């Protein structure tokens, strides 16, 4: 396996009031048989704000660049991922917990 340095695509956008930065390196690792892309997603405003797929505001994933391309690019892929995970019971509970004031 060889680590190569290729062009990194960085996009910033807002989702549900959270400013997000996504960095995508289409060829992070490669061999004769396969290529692996690297995607990093983090919340920047507010800093370290939880996202549906991470409590820390940061998530790194290795995948194929085709997975990104099929959905129309980095922003579209991350938005689809966020929206899909936002339907989870865990995220829905998080939203309820953060909207309701606690007396204890």
PDB file of N, CA and C in Angstrom:
ATOM      1  N   UNK A   1       0.829  -1.169   0.000  1.00  0.00           N
ATOM      2  CA  UNK A   1       0.000   0.000   0.000  1.00  0.00           C
ATOM      3  C   UNK A   1       0.879   1.240   0.000  1.00  0.00           C
ATOM      4  N   UNK A   2       0.527   2.198  -0.791  1.00  0.00           N
ATOM      5  CA  UNK A   2       1.286   3.431  -0.908  1.00  0.00           C
ATOM      6  C   UNK A   2       0.418   4.611  -0.507  1.00  0.00           C
ATOM      7  N   UNK A   3       0.935   5.481   0.304  1.00  0.00           N
ATOM      8  CA  UNK A   3       0.229   6.715   0.641  1.00  0.00           C
ATOM      9  C   UNK A   3       0.610   7.744  -0.409  1.00  0.00           C
ATOM     10  N   UNK A   4      -0.380   8.307  -1.047  1.00  0.00           N
ATOM     11  CA  UNK A   4      -0.114   9.299  -2.082  1.00  0.00           C
ATOM     12  C   UNK A   4      -0.735  10.635  -1.675  1.00  0.00           C
ATOM     13  N   UNK A   5      -0.185  11.686  -2.206  1.00  0.00           N
ATOM     14  CA  UNK A   5      -0.733  13.002  -1.950  1.00  0.00           C
ATOM     15  C   UNK A   5      -1.421  13.481  -3.211  1.00  0.00           C
ATOM     16  N   UNK A   6      -2.717  13.656  -3.120  1.00  0.00           N
ATOM     17  CA  UNK A   6      -3.523  14.124  -4.241  1.00  0.00           C
ATOM     18  C   UNK A   6      -4.278  15.371  -3.814  1.00  0.00           C
ATOM     19  N   UNK A   7      -4.992  15.909  -4.733  1.00  0.00           N
ATOM     20  CA  UNK A   7      -5.806  17.083  -4.458  1.00  0.00           C
ATOM     21  C   UNK A   7      -6.880  16.751  -3.410  1.00  0.00           C
ATOM     22  N   UNK A   8      -7.000  17.621  -2.418  1.00  0.00           N
ATOM     23  CA  UNK A   8      -8.025  17.479  -1.395  1.00  0.00           C
ATOM     24  C   UNK A   8      -9.109  18.517  -1.651  1.00  0.00           C
ATOM     25  N   UNK A   9     -10.349  18.057  -1.727  1.00  0.00           N
ATOM     26  CA  UNK A   9     -11.491  18.940  -1.913  1.00  0.00           C
ATOM     27  C   UNK A   9     -12.052  19.295  -0.545  1.00  0.00           C
ATOM     28  N   UNK A  10     -12.213  20.583  -0.282  1.00  0.00           N
ATOM     29  CA  UNK A  10     -12.785  21.041   0.983  1.00  0.00           C
ATOM     30  C   UNK A  10     -14.037  21.841   0.684  1.00  0.00           C
ATOM     31  N   UNK A  11     -15.116  21.498   1.354  1.00  0.00           N
ATOM     32  CA  UNK A  11     -16.372  22.233   1.207  1.00  0.00           C
ATOM     33  C   UNK A  11     -16.879  22.625   2.586  1.00  0.00           C
ATOM     34  N   UNK A  12     -17.532  23.769   2.651  1.00  0.00           N
ATOM     35  CA  UNK A  12     -18.176  24.221   3.882  1.00  0.00           C
ATOM     36  C   UNK A  12     -19.624  24.528   3.564  1.00  0.00           C
ATOM     37  N   UNK A  13     -20.504  24.151   4.473  1.00  0.00           N
ATOM     38  CA  UNK A  13     -21.925  24.381   4.289  1.00  0.00           C
ATOM     39  C   UNK A  13     -22.607  24.340   5.644  1.00  0.00           C
ATOM     40  N   UNK A  14     -23.873  24.683   5.670  1.00  0.00           N
ATOM     41  CA  UNK A  14     -24.631  24.669   6.912  1.00  0.00           C
ATOM     42  C   UNK A  14     -25.681  23.572   6.859  1.00  0.00           C
ATOM     43  N   UNK A  15     -25.835  22.887   7.986  1.00  0.00           N
ATOM     44  CA  UNK A  15     -26.872  21.865   8.140  1.00  0.00           C
ATOM     45  C   UNK A  15     -27.514  22.052   9.507  1.00  0.00           C
ATOM     46  N   UNK A  16     -28.818  22.279   9.522  1.00  0.00           N
ATOM     47  CA  UNK A  16     -29.573  22.423  10.773  1.00  0.00           C
ATOM     48  C   UNK A  16     -28.927  23.437  11.723  1.00  0.00           C
ATOM     49  N   UNK A  17     -28.439  24.543  11.166  1.00  0.00           N
ATOM     50  CA  UNK A  17     -27.846  25.605  11.972  1.00  0.00           C
ATOM     51  C   UNK A  17     -26.406  25.362  12.394  1.00  0.00           C
ATOM     52  N   UNK A  18     -25.804  24.275  11.916  1.00  0.00           N
ATOM     53  CA  UNK A  18     -24.417  23.942  12.251  1.00  0.00           C
ATOM     54  C   UNK A  18     -23.560  24.130  11.002  1.00  0.00           C
ATOM     55  N   UNK A  19     -22.493  24.911  11.119  1.00  0.00           N
ATOM     56  CA  UNK A  19     -21.561  25.080  10.001  1.00  0.00           C
ATOM     57  C   UNK A  19     -20.621  23.876   9.989  1.00  0.00           C
ATOM     58  N   UNK A  20     -20.498  23.256   8.834  1.00  0.00           N
ATOM     59  CA  UNK A  20     -19.743  22.011   8.687  1.00  0.00           C
ATOM     60  C   UNK A  20     -18.670  22.168   7.628  1.00  0.00           C
ATOM     61  N   UNK A  21     -17.525  21.544   7.894  1.00  0.00           N
ATOM     62  CA  UNK A  21     -16.437  21.480   6.912  1.00  0.00           C
ATOM     63  C   UNK A  21     -16.198  20.009   6.588  1.00  0.00           C
ATOM     64  N   UNK A  22     -16.110  19.713   5.297  1.00  0.00           N
ATOM     65  CA  UNK A  22     -15.812  18.355   4.844  1.00  0.00           C
ATOM     66  C   UNK A  22     -14.603  18.401   3.922  1.00  0.00           C
ATOM     67  N   UNK A  23     -13.621  17.535   4.196  1.00  0.00           N
ATOM     68  CA  UNK A  23     -12.419  17.432   3.371  1.00  0.00           C
ATOM     69  C   UNK A  23     -12.388  16.036   2.764  1.00  0.00           C
ATOM     70  N   UNK A  24     -12.178  15.987   1.463  1.00  0.00           N
ATOM     71  CA  UNK A  24     -12.199  14.716   0.752  1.00  0.00           C
ATOM     72  C   UNK A  24     -10.929  14.540  -0.061  1.00  0.00           C
ATOM     73  N   UNK A  25     -10.223  13.457   0.200  1.00  0.00           N
ATOM     74  CA  UNK A  25      -9.025  13.093  -0.557  1.00  0.00           C
ATOM     75  C   UNK A  25      -9.362  11.852  -1.374  1.00  0.00           C
ATOM     76  N   UNK A  26      -9.537  11.982  -2.696  1.00  0.00           N
ATOM     77  CA  UNK A  26     -10.025  10.870  -3.513  1.00  0.00           C
ATOM     78  C   UNK A  26      -9.095   9.663  -3.593  1.00  0.00           C
ATOM     79  N   UNK A  27      -7.809   9.847  -3.372  1.00  0.00           N
ATOM     80  CA  UNK A  27      -6.884   8.711  -3.431  1.00  0.00           C
ATOM     81  C   UNK A  27      -5.933   8.795  -2.235  1.00  0.00           C
ATOM     82  N   UNK A  28      -6.418   8.341  -1.102  1.00  0.00           N
ATOM     83  CA  UNK A  28      -5.637   8.398   0.121  1.00  0.00           C
ATOM     84  C   UNK A  28      -4.636   7.246   0.185  1.00  0.00           C
ATOM     85  N   UNK A  29      -5.113   6.051  -0.093  1.00  0.00           N
ATOM     86  CA  UNK A  29      -4.281   4.846  -0.143  1.00  0.00           C
ATOM     87  C   UNK A  29      -4.567   4.130  -1.446  1.00  0.00           C
ATOM     88  N   UNK A  30      -3.554   3.488  -1.999  1.00  0.00           N
ATOM     89  CA  UNK A  30      -3.799   2.747  -3.229  1.00  0.00           C
ATOM     90  C   UNK A  30      -2.825   1.590  -3.352  1.00  0.00           C
ATOM     91  N   UNK A  31      -3.249   0.617  -4.130  1.00  0.00           N
ATOM     92  CA  UNK A  31      -2.393  -0.499  -4.517  1.00  0.00           C
ATOM     93  C   UNK A  31      -2.754  -0.815  -5.960  1.00  0.00           C
ATOM     94  N   UNK A  32      -2.236  -1.880  -6.472  1.00  0.00           N
ATOM     95  CA  UNK A  32      -2.575  -2.256  -7.850  1.00  0.00           C
ATOM     96  C   UNK A  32      -4.032  -2.660  -7.971  1.00  0.00           C
ATOM     97  N   UNK A  33      -4.622  -3.144  -6.874  1.00  0.00           N
ATOM     98  CA  UNK A  33      -5.977  -3.689  -6.920  1.00  0.00           C
ATOM     99  C   UNK A  33      -7.088  -2.717  -6.512  1.00  0.00           C
ATOM    100  N   UNK A  34      -6.758  -1.718  -5.717  1.00  0.00           N
ATOM    101  CA  UNK A  34      -7.816  -0.841  -5.230  1.00  0.00           C
ATOM    102  C   UNK A  34      -7.278   0.533  -4.834  1.00  0.00           C
ATOM    103  N   UNK A  35      -8.210   1.480  -4.722  1.00  0.00           N
ATOM    104  CA  UNK A  35      -7.919   2.821  -4.225  1.00  0.00           C
ATOM    105  C   UNK A  35      -8.903   3.120  -3.104  1.00  0.00           C
ATOM    106  N   UNK A  36      -8.430   3.773  -2.085  1.00  0.00           N
ATOM    107  CA  UNK A  36      -9.277   4.140  -0.956  1.00  0.00           C
ATOM    108  C   UNK A  36      -9.252   5.649  -0.789  1.00  0.00           C
ATOM    109  N   UNK A  37     -10.433   6.228  -0.691  1.00  0.00           N
ATOM    110  CA  UNK A  37     -10.567   7.669  -0.484  1.00  0.00           C
ATOM    111  C   UNK A  37     -10.774   7.947   1.000  1.00  0.00           C
ATOM    112  N   UNK A  38     -10.469   9.175   1.409  1.00  0.00           N
ATOM    113  CA  UNK A  38     -10.611   9.571   2.817  1.00  0.00           C
ATOM    114  C   UNK A  38     -11.510  10.795   2.907  1.00  0.00           C
ATOM    115  N   UNK A  39     -12.508  10.702   3.771  1.00  0.00           N
ATOM    116  CA  UNK A  39     -13.445  11.796   4.001  1.00  0.00           C
ATOM    117  C   UNK A  39     -13.384  12.185   5.474  1.00  0.00           C
ATOM    118  N   UNK A  40     -13.230  13.481   5.740  1.00  0.00           N
ATOM    119  CA  UNK A  40     -13.242  14.006   7.106  1.00  0.00           C
ATOM    120  C   UNK A  40     -14.358  15.043   7.202  1.00  0.00           C
ATOM    121  N   UNK A  41     -15.174  14.911   8.234  1.00  0.00           N
ATOM    122  CA  UNK A  41     -16.294  15.826   8.446  1.00  0.00           C
ATOM    123  C   UNK A  41     -16.184  16.380   9.852  1.00  0.00           C
ATOM    124  N   UNK A  42     -16.324  17.711   9.992  1.00  0.00           N
ATOM    125  CA  UNK A  42     -16.296  18.285  11.329  1.00  0.00           C
ATOM    126  C   UNK A  42     -17.202  19.498  11.425  1.00  0.00           C
ATOM    127  N   UNK A  43     -17.779  19.675  12.597  1.00  0.00           N
ATOM    128  CA  UNK A  43     -18.590  20.862  12.848  1.00  0.00           C
ATOM    129  C   UNK A  43     -17.637  21.976  13.276  1.00  0.00           C
ATOM    130  N   UNK A  44     -17.819  23.156  12.689  1.00  0.00           N
ATOM    131  CA  UNK A  44     -16.920  24.259  13.022  1.00  0.00           C
ATOM    132  C   UNK A  44     -17.633  25.400  13.743  1.00  0.00           C
ATOM    133  N   UNK A  45     -18.935  25.549  13.553  1.00  0.00           N
ATOM    134  CA  UNK A  45     -19.691  26.562  14.291  1.00  0.00           C
ATOM    135  C   UNK A  45     -21.058  25.996  14.629  1.00  0.00           C
ATOM    136  N   UNK A  46     -21.331  25.752  15.880  1.00  0.00           N
ATOM    137  CA  UNK A  46     -20.431  25.849  17.018  1.00  0.00           C
ATOM    138  C   UNK A  46     -19.359  24.761  16.973  1.00  0.00           C
ATOM    139  N   UNK A  47     -18.195  25.056  17.543  1.00  0.00           N
ATOM    140  CA  UNK A  47     -17.102  24.081  17.510  1.00  0.00           C
ATOM    141  C   UNK A  47     -17.489  22.791  18.247  1.00  0.00           C
ATOM    142  N   UNK A  48     -17.101  21.691  17.672  1.00  0.00           N
ATOM    143  CA  UNK A  48     -17.313  20.364  18.254  1.00  0.00           C
ATOM    144  C   UNK A  48     -18.782  20.045  18.532  1.00  0.00           C
ATOM    145  N   UNK A  49     -19.689  20.685  17.796  1.00  0.00           N
ATOM    146  CA  UNK A  49     -21.112  20.387  17.964  1.00  0.00           C
ATOM    147  C   UNK A  49     -21.374  18.952  17.517  1.00  0.00           C
ATOM    148  N   UNK A  50     -22.147  18.202  18.303  1.00  0.00           N
ATOM    149  CA  UNK A  50     -22.469  16.836  17.896  1.00  0.00           C
ATOM    150  C   UNK A  50     -23.197  16.826  16.554  1.00  0.00           C
ATOM    151  N   UNK A  51     -22.953  15.782  15.798  1.00  0.00           N
ATOM    152  CA  UNK A  51     -23.637  15.535  14.534  1.00  0.00           C
ATOM    153  C   UNK A  51     -24.287  14.157  14.639  1.00  0.00           C
ATOM    154  N   UNK A  52     -25.237  13.840  13.789  1.00  0.00           N
ATOM    155  CA  UNK A  52     -25.920  12.557  13.914  1.00  0.00           C
ATOM    156  C   UNK A  52     -25.008  11.329  13.889  1.00  0.00           C
ATOM    157  N   UNK A  53     -23.818  11.446  13.312  1.00  0.00           N
ATOM    158  CA  UNK A  53     -22.923  10.294  13.256  1.00  0.00           C
ATOM    159  C   UNK A  53     -21.677  10.448  14.133  1.00  0.00           C
ATOM    160  N   UNK A  54     -21.645  11.477  14.990  1.00  0.00           N
ATOM    161  CA  UNK A  54     -20.526  11.643  15.921  1.00  0.00           C
ATOM    162  C   UNK A  54     -20.909  12.572  17.070  1.00  0.00           C
ATOM    163  N   UNK A  55     -20.555  12.183  18.274  1.00  0.00           N
ATOM    164  CA  UNK A  55     -20.808  13.030  19.440  1.00  0.00           C
ATOM    165  C   UNK A  55     -19.755  14.109  19.609  1.00  0.00           C
ATOM    166  N   UNK A  56     -18.606  13.929  18.963  1.00  0.00           N
ATOM    167  CA  UNK A  56     -17.482  14.843  19.144  1.00  0.00           C
ATOM    168  C   UNK A  56     -17.421  15.962  18.107  1.00  0.00           C
ATOM    169  N   UNK A  57     -18.258  15.888  17.082  1.00  0.00           N
ATOM    170  CA  UNK A  57     -18.212  16.894  16.026  1.00  0.00           C
ATOM    171  C   UNK A  57     -17.181  16.595  14.950  1.00  0.00           C
ATOM    172  N   UNK A  58     -16.547  15.425  15.019  1.00  0.00           N
ATOM    173  CA  UNK A  58     -15.551  15.037  14.006  1.00  0.00           C
ATOM    174  C   UNK A  58     -15.761  13.573  13.642  1.00  0.00           C
ATOM    175  N   UNK A  59     -15.669  13.287  12.342  1.00  0.00           N
ATOM    176  CA  UNK A  59     -15.770  11.906  11.875  1.00  0.00           C
ATOM    177  C   UNK A  59     -14.881  11.737  10.658  1.00  0.00           C
ATOM    178  N   UNK A  60     -14.152  10.646  10.637  1.00  0.00           N
ATOM    179  CA  UNK A  60     -13.284  10.286   9.527  1.00  0.00           C
ATOM    180  C   UNK A  60     -13.790   8.970   8.959  1.00  0.00           C
ATOM    181  N   UNK A  61     -13.816   8.860   7.641  1.00  0.00           N
ATOM    182  CA  UNK A  61     -14.294   7.630   7.008  1.00  0.00           C
ATOM    183  C   UNK A  61     -13.454   7.327   5.773  1.00  0.00           C
ATOM    184  N   UNK A  62     -13.191   6.051   5.568  1.00  0.00           N
ATOM    185  CA  UNK A  62     -12.508   5.587   4.366  1.00  0.00           C
ATOM    186  C   UNK A  62     -13.532   4.881   3.493  1.00  0.00           C
ATOM    187  N   UNK A  63     -13.558   5.236   2.221  1.00  0.00           N
ATOM    188  CA  UNK A  63     -14.539   4.710   1.290  1.00  0.00           C
ATOM    189  C   UNK A  63     -13.999   4.831  -0.115  1.00  0.00           C
ATOM    190  N   UNK A  64     -14.776   4.416  -1.080  1.00  0.00           N
ATOM    191  CA  UNK A  64     -14.338   4.563  -2.470  1.00  0.00           C
ATOM    192  C   UNK A  64     -14.797   5.924  -2.993  1.00  0.00           C
ATOM    193  N   UNK A  65     -14.035   6.470  -3.916  1.00  0.00           N
ATOM    194  CA  UNK A  65     -14.426   7.774  -4.458  1.00  0.00           C
ATOM    195  C   UNK A  65     -15.724   7.673  -5.258  1.00  0.00           C
ATOM    196  N   UNK A  66     -16.032   6.472  -5.735  1.00  0.00           N
ATOM    197  CA  UNK A  66     -17.273   6.266  -6.470  1.00  0.00           C
ATOM    198  C   UNK A  66     -18.492   6.506  -5.585  1.00  0.00           C
ATOM    199  N   UNK A  67     -18.386   6.180  -4.299  1.00  0.00           N
ATOM    200  CA  UNK A  67     -19.494   6.417  -3.381  1.00  0.00           C
ATOM    201  C   UNK A  67     -19.823   7.905  -3.297  1.00  0.00           C
ATOM    202  N   UNK A  68     -18.809   8.734  -3.357  1.00  0.00           N
ATOM    203  CA  UNK A  68     -19.004  10.187  -3.335  1.00  0.00           C
ATOM    204  C   UNK A  68     -19.587  10.656  -4.670  1.00  0.00           C
ATOM    205  N   UNK A  69     -19.019  10.165  -5.753  1.00  0.00           N
ATOM    206  CA  UNK A  69     -19.434  10.593  -7.090  1.00  0.00           C
ATOM    207  C   UNK A  69     -20.879  10.229  -7.398  1.00  0.00           C
ATOM    208  N   UNK A  70     -21.323   9.045  -6.965  1.00  0.00           N
ATOM    209  CA  UNK A  70     -22.680   8.579  -7.244  1.00  0.00           C
ATOM    210  C   UNK A  70     -23.731   9.539  -6.689  1.00  0.00           C
ATOM    211  N   UNK A  71     -23.457  10.123  -5.540  1.00  0.00           N
ATOM    212  CA  UNK A  71     -24.423  11.039  -4.925  1.00  0.00           C
ATOM    213  C   UNK A  71     -24.238  12.490  -5.349  1.00  0.00           C
ATOM    214  N   UNK A  72     -23.261  12.762  -6.193  1.00  0.00           N
ATOM    215  CA  UNK A  72     -23.108  14.108  -6.740  1.00  0.00           C
ATOM    216  C   UNK A  72     -22.037  14.965  -6.104  1.00  0.00           C
ATOM    217  N   UNK A  73     -21.115  14.358  -5.375  1.00  0.00           N
ATOM    218  CA  UNK A  73     -20.008  15.115  -4.814  1.00  0.00           C
ATOM    219  C   UNK A  73     -19.983  15.081  -3.292  1.00  0.00           C
ATOM    220  N   UNK A  74     -18.980  15.744  -2.746  1.00  0.00           N
ATOM    221  CA  UNK A  74     -18.724  15.707  -1.308  1.00  0.00           C
ATOM    222  C   UNK A  74     -19.901  16.266  -0.511  1.00  0.00           C
ATOM    223  N   UNK A  75     -20.351  17.464  -0.854  1.00  0.00           N
ATOM    224  CA  UNK A  75     -21.443  18.087  -0.098  1.00  0.00           C
ATOM    225  C   UNK A  75     -22.697  17.228  -0.148  1.00  0.00           C
ATOM    226  N   UNK A  76     -23.062  16.761  -1.314  1.00  0.00           N
ATOM    227  CA  UNK A  76     -24.267  15.937  -1.453  1.00  0.00           C
ATOM    228  C   UNK A  76     -24.152  14.641  -0.651  1.00  0.00           C
ATOM    229  N   UNK A  77     -22.968  14.028  -0.657  1.00  0.00           N
ATOM    230  CA  UNK A  77     -22.758  12.788   0.089  1.00  0.00           C
ATOM    231  C   UNK A  77     -22.910  13.029   1.588  1.00  0.00           C
ATOM    232  N   UNK A  78     -22.256  14.073   2.096  1.00  0.00           N
ATOM    233  CA  UNK A  78     -22.306  14.359   3.537  1.00  0.00           C
ATOM    234  C   UNK A  78     -23.722  14.746   3.953  1.00  0.00           C
ATOM    235  N   UNK A  79     -24.417  15.528   3.147  1.00  0.00           N
ATOM    236  CA  UNK A  79     -25.803  15.885   3.463  1.00  0.00           C
ATOM    237  C   UNK A  79     -26.688  14.642   3.519  1.00  0.00           C
ATOM    238  N   UNK A  80     -26.514  13.744   2.585  1.00  0.00           N
ATOM    239  CA  UNK A  80     -27.287  12.499   2.582  1.00  0.00           C
ATOM    240  C   UNK A  80     -26.984  11.676   3.836  1.00  0.00           C
ATOM    241  N   UNK A  81     -25.719  11.599   4.196  1.00  0.00           N
ATOM    242  CA  UNK A  81     -25.293  10.861   5.389  1.00  0.00           C
ATOM    243  C   UNK A  81     -25.904  11.490   6.646  1.00  0.00           C
ATOM    244  N   UNK A  82     -25.806  12.812   6.764  1.00  0.00           N
ATOM    245  CA  UNK A  82     -26.383  13.517   7.910  1.00  0.00           C
ATOM    246  C   UNK A  82     -27.895  13.294   8.002  1.00  0.00           C
ATOM    247  N   UNK A  83     -28.582  13.485   6.890  1.00  0.00           N
ATOM    248  CA  UNK A  83     -30.037  13.344   6.889  1.00  0.00           C
ATOM    249  C   UNK A  83     -30.473  11.917   7.197  1.00  0.00           C
ATOM    250  N   UNK A  84     -29.736  10.955   6.703  1.00  0.00           N
ATOM    251  CA  UNK A  84     -30.051   9.555   6.992  1.00  0.00           C
ATOM    252  C   UNK A  84     -29.880   9.254   8.484  1.00  0.00           C
ATOM    253  N   UNK A  85     -28.740   9.642   9.037  1.00  0.00           N
ATOM    254  CA  UNK A  85     -28.449   9.373  10.446  1.00  0.00           C
ATOM    255  C   UNK A  85     -29.326  10.205  11.389  1.00  0.00           C
ATOM    256  N   UNK A  86     -29.818  11.349  10.915  1.00  0.00           N
ATOM    257  CA  UNK A  86     -30.671  12.204  11.740  1.00  0.00           C
ATOM    258  C   UNK A  86     -32.014  11.541  12.030  1.00  0.00           C
ATOM    259  N   UNK A  87     -32.375  10.516  11.291  1.00  0.00           N
ATOM    260  CA  UNK A  87     -33.622   9.785  11.506  1.00  0.00           C
ATOM    261  C   UNK A  87     -33.498   8.755  12.632  1.00  0.00           C
ATOM    262  N   UNK A  88     -32.293   8.518  13.102  1.00  0.00           N
ATOM    263  CA  UNK A  88     -32.080   7.488  14.121  1.00  0.00           C
ATOM    264  C   UNK A  88     -32.728   7.873  15.454  1.00  0.00           C
ATOM    265  N   UNK A  89     -33.087   6.868  16.232  1.00  0.00           N
ATOM    266  CA  UNK A  89     -33.675   7.103  17.551  1.00  0.00           C
ATOM    267  C   UNK A  89     -32.696   7.859  18.453  1.00  0.00           C
ATOM    268  N   UNK A  90     -31.413   7.517  18.339  1.00  0.00           N
ATOM    269  CA  UNK A  90     -30.397   8.164  19.165  1.00  0.00           C
ATOM    270  C   UNK A  90     -30.351   9.677  18.890  1.00  0.00           C
ATOM    271  N   UNK A  91     -30.350  10.067  17.620  1.00  0.00           N
ATOM    272  CA  UNK A  91     -30.293  11.491  17.288  1.00  0.00           C
ATOM    273  C   UNK A  91     -31.596  12.189  17.678  1.00  0.00           C
ATOM    274  N   UNK A  92     -32.718  11.535  17.476  1.00  0.00           N
ATOM    275  CA  UNK A  92     -33.996  12.130  17.852  1.00  0.00           C
ATOM    276  C   UNK A  92     -34.054  12.359  19.361  1.00  0.00           C
ATOM    277  N   UNK A  93     -33.502  11.443  20.128  1.00  0.00           N
ATOM    278  CA  UNK A  93     -33.449  11.626  21.577  1.00  0.00           C
ATOM    279  C   UNK A  93     -32.518  12.781  21.943  1.00  0.00           C
ATOM    280  N   UNK A  94     -31.406  12.877  21.242  1.00  0.00           N
ATOM    281  CA  UNK A  94     -30.470  13.990  21.467  1.00  0.00           C
ATOM    282  C   UNK A  94     -31.182  15.328  21.246  1.00  0.00           C
ATOM    283  N   UNK A  95     -31.959  15.419  20.179  1.00  0.00           N
ATOM    284  CA  UNK A  95     -32.686  16.665  19.896  1.00  0.00           C
ATOM    285  C   UNK A  95     -33.680  16.985  21.006  1.00  0.00           C
ATOM    286  N   UNK A  96     -34.390  15.981  21.473  1.00  0.00           N
ATOM    287  CA  UNK A  96     -35.348  16.192  22.565  1.00  0.00           C
ATOM    288  C   UNK A  96     -34.616  16.661  23.828  1.00  0.00           C
ATOM    289  N   UNK A  97     -33.517  16.022  24.134  1.00  0.00           N
ATOM    290  CA  UNK A  97     -32.757  16.348  25.343  1.00  0.00           C
ATOM    291  C   UNK A  97     -32.192  17.763  25.304  1.00  0.00           C
ATOM    292  N   UNK A  98     -31.770  18.212  24.135  1.00  0.00           N
ATOM    293  CA  UNK A  98     -31.170  19.545  24.041  1.00  0.00           C
ATOM    294  C   UNK A  98     -32.227  20.648  23.934  1.00  0.00           C
ATOM    295  N   UNK A  99     -33.437  20.303  23.557  1.00  0.00           N
ATOM    296  CA  UNK A  99     -34.507  21.305  23.454  1.00  0.00           C
ATOM    297  C   UNK A  99     -35.258  21.473  24.767  1.00  0.00           C
ATOM    298  N   UNK A 100     -35.266  20.443  25.575  1.00  0.00           N
ATOM    299  CA  UNK A 100     -36.014  20.488  26.824  1.00  0.00           C
ATOM    300  C   UNK A 100     -35.086  20.863  27.977  1.00  0.00           C
ATOM    301  N   UNK A 101     -35.484  21.832  28.754  1.00  0.00           N
ATOM    302  CA  UNK A 101     -34.700  22.230  29.913  1.00  0.00           C
ATOM    303  C   UNK A 101     -34.832  21.172  31.001  1.00  0.00           C
ATOM    304  N   UNK A 102     -33.731  20.919  31.661  1.00  0.00           N
ATOM    305  CA  UNK A 102     -33.714  19.941  32.733  1.00  0.00           C
ATOM    306  C   UNK A 102     -33.655  20.654  34.083  1.00  0.00           C
ATOM    307  N   UNK A 103     -34.408  20.173  35.040  1.00  0.00           N
ATOM    308  CA  UNK A 103     -34.378  20.745  36.380  1.00  0.00           C
ATOM    309  C   UNK A 103     -33.339  20.091  37.256  1.00  0.00           C
ATOM    310  N   UNK A 104     -32.724  19.040  36.776  1.00  0.00           N
ATOM    311  CA  UNK A 104     -31.750  18.291  37.587  1.00  0.00           C
ATOM    312  C   UNK A 104     -30.389  18.267  36.929  1.00  0.00           C
TER     313      UNK A 104
END
